[in-house]
């Protein structure tokens, strides 16, 4: 799928930054699944949730 990097929010919280392979980024079906994954992660609240941040489009 790609790589996942450790990043930090402006507030210093550790976050996962997922980078997908360019060929997958051009695949509409993959991007639809990836968008659902992002939405599911955003729906989780609390210290281990993925809060709403800026996303590249």
N, C-alpha and C. Protein backbone atom coordinates (compact mmCIF):
# COMPACT_ATOMS: atom_id res chain seq x y z
N UNK A 1 0.82 -1.18 0.00
CA UNK A 1 0.00 0.00 0.00
C UNK A 1 0.87 1.25 0.00
N UNK A 2 1.87 1.29 0.81
CA UNK A 2 2.73 2.47 0.93
C UNK A 2 3.56 2.38 2.19
N UNK A 3 3.79 3.54 2.78
CA UNK A 3 4.58 3.60 4.01
C UNK A 3 3.82 4.42 5.04
N UNK A 4 4.11 4.13 6.30
CA UNK A 4 3.53 4.89 7.40
C UNK A 4 4.69 5.48 8.20
N UNK A 5 4.60 6.77 8.45
CA UNK A 5 5.64 7.48 9.18
C UNK A 5 5.07 8.01 10.49
N UNK A 6 5.95 8.19 11.44
CA UNK A 6 5.60 8.83 12.70
C UNK A 6 5.74 10.33 12.51
N UNK A 7 4.69 11.05 12.85
CA UNK A 7 4.72 12.50 12.78
C UNK A 7 4.20 13.06 14.09
N UNK A 8 4.18 14.38 14.18
CA UNK A 8 3.69 15.04 15.39
C UNK A 8 2.77 16.18 15.01
N UNK A 9 1.67 16.29 15.74
CA UNK A 9 0.71 17.38 15.52
C UNK A 9 1.35 18.68 16.02
N UNK A 10 0.76 19.82 15.67
CA UNK A 10 1.28 21.09 16.19
C UNK A 10 1.31 21.12 17.72
N UNK A 11 0.43 20.35 18.37
CA UNK A 11 0.40 20.29 19.83
C UNK A 11 1.37 19.28 20.41
N UNK A 12 2.11 18.55 19.55
CA UNK A 12 3.11 17.60 20.03
C UNK A 12 2.62 16.16 20.15
N UNK A 13 1.39 15.91 19.75
CA UNK A 13 0.84 14.55 19.83
C UNK A 13 1.38 13.69 18.68
N UNK A 14 1.78 12.45 18.98
CA UNK A 14 2.28 11.54 17.95
C UNK A 14 1.12 11.14 17.03
N UNK A 15 1.38 11.15 15.73
CA UNK A 15 0.38 10.78 14.73
C UNK A 15 1.02 9.89 13.67
N UNK A 16 0.20 9.08 13.02
CA UNK A 16 0.67 8.27 11.90
C UNK A 16 0.39 9.02 10.61
N UNK A 17 1.38 9.08 9.72
CA UNK A 17 1.23 9.72 8.42
C UNK A 17 1.38 8.63 7.37
N UNK A 18 0.30 8.34 6.67
CA UNK A 18 0.31 7.25 5.70
C UNK A 18 0.49 7.83 4.30
N UNK A 19 1.49 7.32 3.57
CA UNK A 19 1.77 7.73 2.20
C UNK A 19 1.50 6.53 1.30
N UNK A 20 0.60 6.69 0.33
CA UNK A 20 0.27 5.57 -0.56
C UNK A 20 1.14 5.63 -1.81
N UNK A 21 1.34 4.47 -2.42
CA UNK A 21 2.09 4.40 -3.68
C UNK A 21 1.38 5.23 -4.74
N UNK A 22 2.11 5.94 -5.60
CA UNK A 22 1.49 6.79 -6.62
C UNK A 22 0.50 6.04 -7.51
N UNK A 23 0.80 4.79 -7.88
CA UNK A 23 -0.12 4.06 -8.76
C UNK A 23 -1.45 3.79 -8.05
N UNK A 24 -1.43 3.59 -6.74
CA UNK A 24 -2.67 3.39 -5.99
C UNK A 24 -3.44 4.70 -5.85
N UNK A 25 -2.73 5.80 -5.76
CA UNK A 25 -3.37 7.11 -5.62
C UNK A 25 -4.17 7.46 -6.88
N UNK A 26 -3.86 6.83 -8.00
CA UNK A 26 -4.60 7.05 -9.25
C UNK A 26 -5.74 6.06 -9.45
N UNK A 27 -5.89 5.13 -8.52
CA UNK A 27 -6.91 4.08 -8.61
C UNK A 27 -8.16 4.53 -7.83
N UNK A 28 -9.25 4.78 -8.55
CA UNK A 28 -10.47 5.32 -7.92
C UNK A 28 -11.02 4.37 -6.86
N UNK A 29 -11.00 3.06 -7.10
CA UNK A 29 -11.52 2.10 -6.14
C UNK A 29 -10.69 2.11 -4.85
N UNK A 30 -9.37 2.14 -5.01
CA UNK A 30 -8.49 2.20 -3.83
C UNK A 30 -8.75 3.49 -3.05
N UNK A 31 -8.85 4.61 -3.74
CA UNK A 31 -9.03 5.89 -3.06
C UNK A 31 -10.37 5.93 -2.33
N UNK A 32 -11.40 5.29 -2.87
CA UNK A 32 -12.69 5.23 -2.17
C UNK A 32 -12.54 4.44 -0.87
N UNK A 33 -11.81 3.31 -0.92
CA UNK A 33 -11.58 2.52 0.30
C UNK A 33 -10.74 3.32 1.30
N UNK A 34 -9.73 4.00 0.80
CA UNK A 34 -8.86 4.80 1.66
C UNK A 34 -9.66 5.92 2.33
N UNK A 35 -10.55 6.56 1.58
CA UNK A 35 -11.39 7.62 2.15
C UNK A 35 -12.28 7.06 3.26
N UNK A 36 -12.82 5.86 3.07
CA UNK A 36 -13.63 5.23 4.13
C UNK A 36 -12.77 4.95 5.36
N UNK A 37 -11.52 4.55 5.14
CA UNK A 37 -10.61 4.31 6.27
C UNK A 37 -10.37 5.61 7.03
N UNK A 38 -10.16 6.70 6.31
CA UNK A 38 -9.95 8.00 6.94
C UNK A 38 -11.18 8.40 7.75
N UNK A 39 -12.37 8.24 7.15
CA UNK A 39 -13.60 8.60 7.85
C UNK A 39 -13.80 7.77 9.11
N UNK A 40 -13.49 6.49 9.04
CA UNK A 40 -13.61 5.62 10.22
C UNK A 40 -12.64 6.07 11.31
N UNK A 41 -11.42 6.42 10.92
CA UNK A 41 -10.43 6.87 11.90
C UNK A 41 -10.86 8.19 12.54
N UNK A 42 -11.44 9.08 11.74
CA UNK A 42 -11.90 10.37 12.28
C UNK A 42 -13.07 10.20 13.25
N UNK A 43 -13.84 9.14 13.08
CA UNK A 43 -15.01 8.91 13.93
C UNK A 43 -14.63 8.44 15.33
N UNK A 44 -13.40 7.96 15.51
CA UNK A 44 -12.95 7.48 16.82
C UNK A 44 -12.57 8.69 17.66
N UNK A 45 -13.11 8.76 18.85
CA UNK A 45 -12.78 9.90 19.72
C UNK A 45 -11.84 9.45 20.83
N UNK A 46 -11.32 10.40 21.54
CA UNK A 46 -10.45 10.10 22.67
C UNK A 46 -8.98 10.22 22.32
N UNK A 47 -8.15 9.83 23.25
CA UNK A 47 -6.70 9.99 23.12
C UNK A 47 -6.11 9.20 21.96
N UNK A 48 -6.76 8.12 21.56
CA UNK A 48 -6.20 7.28 20.49
C UNK A 48 -6.92 7.44 19.17
N UNK A 49 -7.79 8.40 19.09
CA UNK A 49 -8.53 8.65 17.85
C UNK A 49 -7.72 9.50 16.90
N UNK A 50 -8.21 9.59 15.69
CA UNK A 50 -7.48 10.30 14.64
C UNK A 50 -7.99 11.70 14.46
N UNK A 51 -8.42 12.43 15.29
CA UNK A 51 -8.96 13.76 15.15
C UNK A 51 -8.99 14.33 13.75
N UNK A 52 -9.66 15.37 13.56
CA UNK A 52 -9.78 15.97 12.24
C UNK A 52 -8.63 16.95 12.04
N UNK A 53 -7.84 16.68 11.04
CA UNK A 53 -6.72 17.56 10.72
C UNK A 53 -6.73 17.89 9.25
N UNK A 54 -5.71 18.57 8.81
CA UNK A 54 -5.60 18.91 7.40
C UNK A 54 -5.15 17.71 6.61
N UNK A 55 -5.81 17.46 5.51
CA UNK A 55 -5.43 16.34 4.64
C UNK A 55 -5.13 16.85 3.25
N UNK A 56 -4.11 16.28 2.65
CA UNK A 56 -3.81 16.61 1.26
C UNK A 56 -4.87 15.98 0.38
N UNK A 57 -5.25 16.63 -0.66
CA UNK A 57 -6.23 16.07 -1.60
C UNK A 57 -5.61 15.93 -2.96
